[in-house]
C-alpha atoms as a PDB file:
ATOM      1  CA  MET A   1       7.396  22.923  40.581  1.00  0.00           C
ATOM      2  CA  SER A   2       8.588  26.622  40.126  1.00  0.00           C
ATOM      3  CA  ASP A   3       8.990  29.291  42.706  1.00  0.00           C
ATOM      4  CA  GLY A   4       5.878  30.888  41.700  1.00  0.00           C
ATOM      5  CA  ASP A   5       3.537  27.903  42.170  1.00  0.00           C
ATOM      6  CA  VAL A   6       1.140  28.100  44.965  1.00  0.00           C
ATOM      7  CA  ILE A   7       0.010  25.194  47.032  1.00  0.00           C
ATOM      8  CA  PHE A   8      -3.469  25.651  48.429  1.00  0.00           C
ATOM      9  CA  GLN A   9      -4.511  24.182  51.723  1.00  0.00           C
ATOM     10  CA  ALA A  10      -7.878  22.374  52.068  1.00  0.00           C
ATOM     11  CA  THR A  11      -8.845  25.296  54.413  1.00  0.00           C
ATOM     12  CA  ASP A  12      -8.059  27.840  51.677  1.00  0.00           C
ATOM     13  CA  LEU A  13     -10.928  26.516  49.407  1.00  0.00           C
ATOM     14  CA  ALA A  14     -13.547  28.412  51.340  1.00  0.00           C
ATOM     15  CA  GLN A  15     -11.839  31.783  50.913  1.00  0.00           C
ATOM     16  CA  HIS A  16      -9.693  31.326  47.816  1.00  0.00           C
ATOM     17  CA  ARG A  17     -11.858  29.010  45.635  1.00  0.00           C
ATOM     18  CA  THR A  18     -11.818  31.535  42.811  1.00  0.00           C
ATOM     19  CA  GLU A  19      -7.914  31.673  42.786  1.00  0.00           C
ATOM     20  CA  PHE A  20      -7.727  27.781  43.042  1.00  0.00           C
ATOM     21  CA  LEU A  21     -10.097  27.358  40.095  1.00  0.00           C
ATOM     22  CA  GLU A  22      -8.311  29.999  38.033  1.00  0.00           C
ATOM     23  CA  ALA A  23      -5.003  28.326  38.703  1.00  0.00           C
ATOM     24  CA  ALA A  24      -6.478  25.001  37.537  1.00  0.00           C
ATOM     25  CA  ARG A  25      -7.867  26.732  34.357  1.00  0.00           C
ATOM     26  CA  GLN A  26      -4.537  28.053  33.729  1.00  0.00           C
ATOM     27  CA  GLY A  27      -2.825  24.561  33.756  1.00  0.00           C
ATOM     28  CA  MET A  28      -2.811  23.085  37.195  1.00  0.00           C
ATOM     29  CA  ALA A  29      -3.695  23.770  40.864  1.00  0.00           C
ATOM     30  CA  ARG A  30      -2.208  21.963  43.820  1.00  0.00           C
ATOM     31  CA  LEU A  31      -4.067  21.246  47.053  1.00  0.00           C
ATOM     32  CA  ARG A  32      -2.431  19.834  50.088  1.00  0.00           C
ATOM     33  CA  TYR A  33      -4.846  17.880  52.204  1.00  0.00           C
ATOM     34  CA  LYS A  34      -4.578  17.883  56.057  1.00  0.00           C
ATOM     35  CA  ASP A  35      -2.881  14.395  56.037  1.00  0.00           C
ATOM     36  CA  GLY A  36      -0.233  15.614  53.653  1.00  0.00           C
ATOM     37  CA  THR A  37      -1.774  14.165  50.456  1.00  0.00           C
ATOM     38  CA  SER A  38      -1.067  16.371  47.414  1.00  0.00           C
ATOM     39  CA  LEU A  39      -4.052  16.649  45.046  1.00  0.00           C
ATOM     40  CA  VAL A  40      -3.878  18.300  41.545  1.00  0.00           C
ATOM     41  CA  MET A  41      -6.746  19.760  39.619  1.00  0.00           C
ATOM     42  CA  LEU A  42      -6.200  20.572  35.847  1.00  0.00           C
ATOM     43  CA  PRO A  43      -8.157  20.963  32.617  1.00  0.00           C
ATOM     44  CA  GLU A  44      -9.553  17.692  31.454  1.00  0.00           C
ATOM     45  CA  ARG A  45      -8.140  18.065  27.860  1.00  0.00           C
ATOM     46  CA  ARG A  46      -4.513  18.093  29.633  1.00  0.00           C
ATOM     47  CA  LEU A  47      -5.482  15.029  31.534  1.00  0.00           C
ATOM     48  CA  ARG A  48      -6.688  13.208  28.285  1.00  0.00           C
ATOM     49  CA  LEU A  49      -3.448  14.136  26.692  1.00  0.00           C
ATOM     50  CA  LEU A  50      -1.442  12.838  29.535  1.00  0.00           C
ATOM     51  CA  GLU A  51      -3.385   9.539  29.416  1.00  0.00           C
ATOM     52  CA  GLU A  52      -2.955   9.110  25.723  1.00  0.00           C
ATOM     53  CA  LEU A  53       0.793   9.786  26.046  1.00  0.00           C
ATOM     54  CA  ARG A  54       1.137   7.296  28.741  1.00  0.00           C
ATOM     55  CA  LYS A  55      -0.713   4.565  26.813  1.00  0.00           C
ATOM     56  CA  TRP A  56       0.996   4.976  23.561  1.00  0.00           C
ATOM     57  CA  SER A  57       4.500   5.481  25.182  1.00  0.00           C
ATOM     58  CA  SER A  58       4.002   2.233  26.842  1.00  0.00           C
ATOM     59  CA  ALA A  59       2.815   0.450  23.774  1.00  0.00           C
ATOM     60  CA  HIS A  60       5.904   2.045  21.921  1.00  0.00           C
ATOM     61  CA  MET A  61       8.380   0.726  24.463  1.00  0.00           C
ATOM     62  CA  ARG A  62       6.914  -2.750  24.332  1.00  0.00           C
ATOM     63  CA  LEU A  63       7.056  -2.761  20.529  1.00  0.00           C
ATOM     64  CA  GLU A  64      10.513  -1.544  20.510  1.00  0.00           C
ATOM     65  CA  ARG A  65      11.386  -4.402  22.955  1.00  0.00           C
ATOM     66  CA  LEU A  66       9.688  -7.004  20.744  1.00  0.00           C
ATOM     67  CA  LEU A  67      11.265  -5.698  17.567  1.00  0.00           C
ATOM     68  CA  SER A  68      14.880  -5.863  19.206  1.00  0.00           C
ATOM     69  CA  ARG A  69      14.461  -9.603  19.664  1.00  0.00           C
ATOM     70  CA  ALA A  70      16.114 -11.682  16.944  1.00  0.00           C
ATOM     71  CA  ASP A  71      13.427 -14.511  17.437  1.00  0.00           C
ATOM     72  CA  PHE A  72      10.461 -11.965  17.191  1.00  0.00           C
ATOM     73  CA  LYS A  73       7.371 -13.394  15.466  1.00  0.00           C
ATOM     74  CA  PRO A  74       4.310 -11.203  15.589  1.00  0.00           C
ATOM     75  CA  THR A  75       1.454 -12.861  17.195  1.00  0.00           C
ATOM     76  CA  VAL A  76      -1.815 -11.556  18.632  1.00  0.00           C
ATOM     77  CA  GLU A  77      -0.616 -12.549  22.153  1.00  0.00           C
ATOM     78  CA  ASN A  78       2.852 -10.900  22.099  1.00  0.00           C
ATOM     79  CA  LEU A  79       1.517  -7.739  20.317  1.00  0.00           C
ATOM     80  CA  GLY A  80      -1.410  -7.268  22.749  1.00  0.00           C
ATOM     81  CA  ASP A  81      -3.370  -4.085  21.997  1.00  0.00           C
ATOM     82  CA  LEU A  82      -1.184  -3.560  19.040  1.00  0.00           C
ATOM     83  CA  ALA A  83      -2.390  -6.918  17.498  1.00  0.00           C
ATOM     84  CA  TRP A  84      -3.633  -5.049  14.472  1.00  0.00           C
ATOM     85  CA  LEU A  85       0.102  -4.680  13.543  1.00  0.00           C
ATOM     86  CA  ARG A  86       0.302  -8.470  12.761  1.00  0.00           C
ATOM     87  CA  VAL A  87      -0.371  -7.988   9.145  1.00  0.00           C
ATOM     88  CA  PHE A  88       2.923  -5.997   8.763  1.00  0.00           C
ATOM     89  CA  ASP A  89       6.413  -7.416   8.245  1.00  0.00           C
ATOM     90  CA  HIS A  90       9.336  -6.630  10.594  1.00  0.00           C
ATOM     91  CA  GLU A  91      10.422  -3.614   8.406  1.00  0.00           C
ATOM     92  CA  ASP A  92       7.032  -2.026   8.285  1.00  0.00           C
ATOM     93  CA  MET A  93       6.746  -2.504  12.106  1.00  0.00           C
ATOM     94  CA  ARG A  94      10.002  -0.703  12.598  1.00  0.00           C
ATOM     95  CA  GLU A  95       8.748   2.120  10.362  1.00  0.00           C
ATOM     96  CA  PHE A  96       5.568   2.328  12.444  1.00  0.00           C
ATOM     97  CA  ALA A  97       7.701   2.384  15.741  1.00  0.00           C
ATOM     98  CA  ASP A  98       9.715   5.191  14.370  1.00  0.00           C
ATOM     99  CA  GLU A  99       6.551   7.184  13.216  1.00  0.00           C
ATOM    100  CA  LEU A 100       4.916   6.511  16.529  1.00  0.00           C
ATOM    101  CA  ASN A 101       7.964   7.886  18.364  1.00  0.00           C
ATOM    102  CA  ASP A 102       7.907  11.026  16.348  1.00  0.00           C
ATOM    103  CA  ALA A 103       4.045  11.454  16.888  1.00  0.00           C
ATOM    104  CA  LEU A 104       4.458  11.042  20.562  1.00  0.00           C
ATOM    105  CA  ILE A 105       7.100  13.695  20.747  1.00  0.00           C
ATOM    106  CA  ALA A 106       5.012  16.071  18.577  1.00  0.00           C
ATOM    107  CA  ALA A 107       1.890  15.533  20.587  1.00  0.00           C
ATOM    108  CA  ASP A 108       3.637  16.263  23.802  1.00  0.00           C
ATOM    109  CA  SER A 109       5.350  19.255  22.503  1.00  0.00           C
ATOM    110  CA  ASP A 110       2.168  20.606  20.933  1.00  0.00           C
ATOM    111  CA  GLU A 111       0.097  19.662  23.960  1.00  0.00           C
ATOM    112  CA  ASP A 112      -2.444  18.143  21.368  1.00  0.00           C
ATOM    113  CA  PRO A 113      -2.879  14.538  20.502  1.00  0.00           C
ATOM    114  CA  SER A 114      -4.130  15.066  16.977  1.00  0.00           C
ATOM    115  CA  VAL A 115      -0.818  14.216  15.373  1.00  0.00           C
ATOM    116  CA  LEU A 116      -0.718  11.009  17.351  1.00  0.00           C
ATOM    117  CA  ASN A 117      -4.198  10.119  16.387  1.00  0.00           C
ATOM    118  CA  GLU A 118      -3.494  10.893  12.659  1.00  0.00           C
ATOM    119  CA  CYS A 119      -0.510   8.574  12.866  1.00  0.00           C
ATOM    120  CA  LEU A 120      -2.348   5.748  14.446  1.00  0.00           C
ATOM    121  CA  ASN A 121      -5.463   6.128  12.234  1.00  0.00           C
ATOM    122  CA  ALA A 122      -3.334   5.950   9.136  1.00  0.00           C
ATOM    123  CA  TRP A 123      -1.561   2.853  10.078  1.00  0.00           C
ATOM    124  CA  LYS A 124      -4.751   1.124  11.309  1.00  0.00           C
ATOM    125  CA  LYS A 125      -6.475   1.970   7.948  1.00  0.00           C
ATOM    126  CA  THR A 126      -3.569   0.454   6.063  1.00  0.00           C
ATOM    127  CA  ALA A 127      -3.631  -2.612   8.313  1.00  0.00           C
ATOM    128  CA  ARG A 128      -7.465  -3.183   7.567  1.00  0.00           C
ATOM    129  CA  GLN A 129      -6.657  -2.920   3.817  1.00  0.00           C
ATOM    130  CA  LEU A 130      -3.933  -5.584   4.175  1.00  0.00           C
ATOM    131  CA  GLU A 131      -6.221  -7.950   5.962  1.00  0.00           C
ATOM    132  CA  ASP A 132      -8.155  -8.498   2.706  1.00  0.00           C
ATOM    133  CA  PRO A 133      -6.177 -10.841   0.451  1.00  0.00           C
ATOM    134  CA  LEU A 134      -7.059  -9.254  -2.752  1.00  0.00           C
ATOM    135  CA  ARG A 135      -6.121  -5.913  -1.591  1.00  0.00           C
ATOM    136  CA  ARG A 136      -2.922  -7.158  -0.042  1.00  0.00           C
ATOM    137  CA  SER A 137      -1.830  -8.737  -3.317  1.00  0.00           C
ATOM    138  CA  VAL A 138      -2.532  -5.467  -5.210  1.00  0.00           C
ATOM    139  CA  LEU A 139      -0.835  -3.223  -2.517  1.00  0.00           C
ATOM    140  CA  LEU A 140       2.206  -5.441  -2.183  1.00  0.00           C
ATOM    141  CA  ALA A 141       2.583  -6.461  -5.862  1.00  0.00           C
ATOM    142  CA  LYS A 142       6.191  -6.550  -7.018  1.00  0.00           C
ATOM    143  CA  GLY A 143       7.020  -5.822 -10.574  1.00  0.00           C
ATOM    144  CA  SER A 144       6.239  -3.299 -13.177  1.00  0.00           C
ATOM    145  CA  LEU A 145       3.112  -1.423 -14.067  1.00  0.00           C
ATOM    146  CA  PRO A 146       1.256  -2.140 -17.205  1.00  0.00           C
ATOM    147  CA  PRO A 147       1.936   0.151 -20.072  1.00  0.00           C
ATOM    148  CA  LEU A 148       0.006   3.519 -19.586  1.00  0.00           C
ATOM    149  CA  VAL A 149      -2.158   4.872 -22.396  1.00  0.00           C
ATOM    150  CA  GLU A 150      -2.711   8.510 -22.864  1.00  0.00           C
ATOM    151  CA  ALA A 151      -6.539   9.368 -22.376  1.00  0.00           C
ATOM    152  CA  GLU A 152      -8.402  12.076 -24.298  1.00  0.00           C
ATOM    153  CA  PRO A 153      -9.757  14.891 -22.139  1.00  0.00           C
ATOM    154  CA  PRO A 154     -13.395  14.404 -21.307  1.00  0.00           C
ATOM    155  CA  SER A 155     -14.400  17.380 -23.481  1.00  0.00           C
ATOM    156  CA  ALA A 156     -12.808  15.857 -26.439  1.00  0.00           C
ATOM    157  CA  GLN A 157     -14.681  12.562 -25.920  1.00  0.00           C
ATOM    158  CA  LEU A 158     -17.931  14.419 -25.551  1.00  0.00           C
ATOM    159  CA  GLU A 159     -17.368  16.466 -28.808  1.00  0.00           C
ATOM    160  CA  SER A 160     -16.522  13.259 -30.855  1.00  0.00           C
ATOM    161  CA  HIS A 161     -19.553  11.459 -29.584  1.00  0.00           C
ATOM    162  CA  VAL A 162     -21.984  14.385 -30.247  1.00  0.00           C
ATOM    163  CA  SER A 163     -20.652  14.902 -33.851  1.00  0.00           C
ATOM    164  CA  ALA A 164     -21.057  11.299 -34.794  1.00  0.00           C
END
């Protein structure tokens, strides 16, 4: 709390409700109840951001702890709400943990969860693709690509078809 922060008393609400609400709109307003309890009012978007940061920071720490264990085998049980990661190998989970860390820092810095949501959505979308055996084999195929053949531009194909 900085020197300029005002702590409102419950009795102040009758006379200073406009100042209290404006302080809350600007970021945060503190109210000290008569029993000493401190209450805070803030914009809902800020509360939602804090909730998202808490949730995913906790998940990140749990994943980091799991990945550091030599005997780690990804199961639905030990991944918990990150169970969708089970389709990835250890290296991919490490990459996800690193990207999640960066997204958490950016979301906190920007005070906007969109970069965090983009990161999570991209990884979840990839996980869904890897759950399908055919897609998994195509996406994870090792080896070389078949020889590529140059294609004619669509206009050239149309002209040759029309003149025939």
